[in-house]
Amino acid sequence: MEDKYWHMKLETSLLSDNSRMKF
């Protein structure tokens, strides 16, 4: 469960970073 939560958190942060770079 912890790994799953961490993975989701990581993906969310990556998406946020990508959005910042794009816009």
Protein backbone atom coordinates (compact mmCIF):
# COMPACT_ATOMS: atom_id res chain seq x y z
CA MET A 1 0.00 0.00 0.00
CA GLU A 2 2.76 2.45 0.89
CA ASP A 3 4.53 1.79 -2.40
CA LYS A 4 1.32 2.39 -4.31
CA TYR A 5 0.71 5.67 -2.51
CA TRP A 6 4.32 6.76 -3.09
CA HIS A 7 4.07 5.88 -6.77
CA MET A 8 0.89 7.91 -7.16
CA LYS A 9 2.47 10.83 -5.34
CA LEU A 10 5.53 10.62 -7.58
CA GLU A 11 3.40 10.57 -10.73
CA THR A 12 1.41 13.56 -9.51
CA SER A 13 4.55 15.58 -8.81
CA LEU A 14 5.98 14.63 -12.21
CA LEU A 15 2.79 15.73 -13.93
CA SER A 16 2.88 19.01 -12.02
CA ASP A 17 6.48 19.61 -13.08
CA ASN A 18 5.64 18.87 -16.70
CA SER A 19 2.70 21.26 -16.60
CA ARG A 20 4.92 24.00 -15.17
CA MET A 21 7.49 23.52 -17.93
CA LYS A 22 4.87 23.44 -20.68
CA PHE A 23 2.94 26.50 -19.53
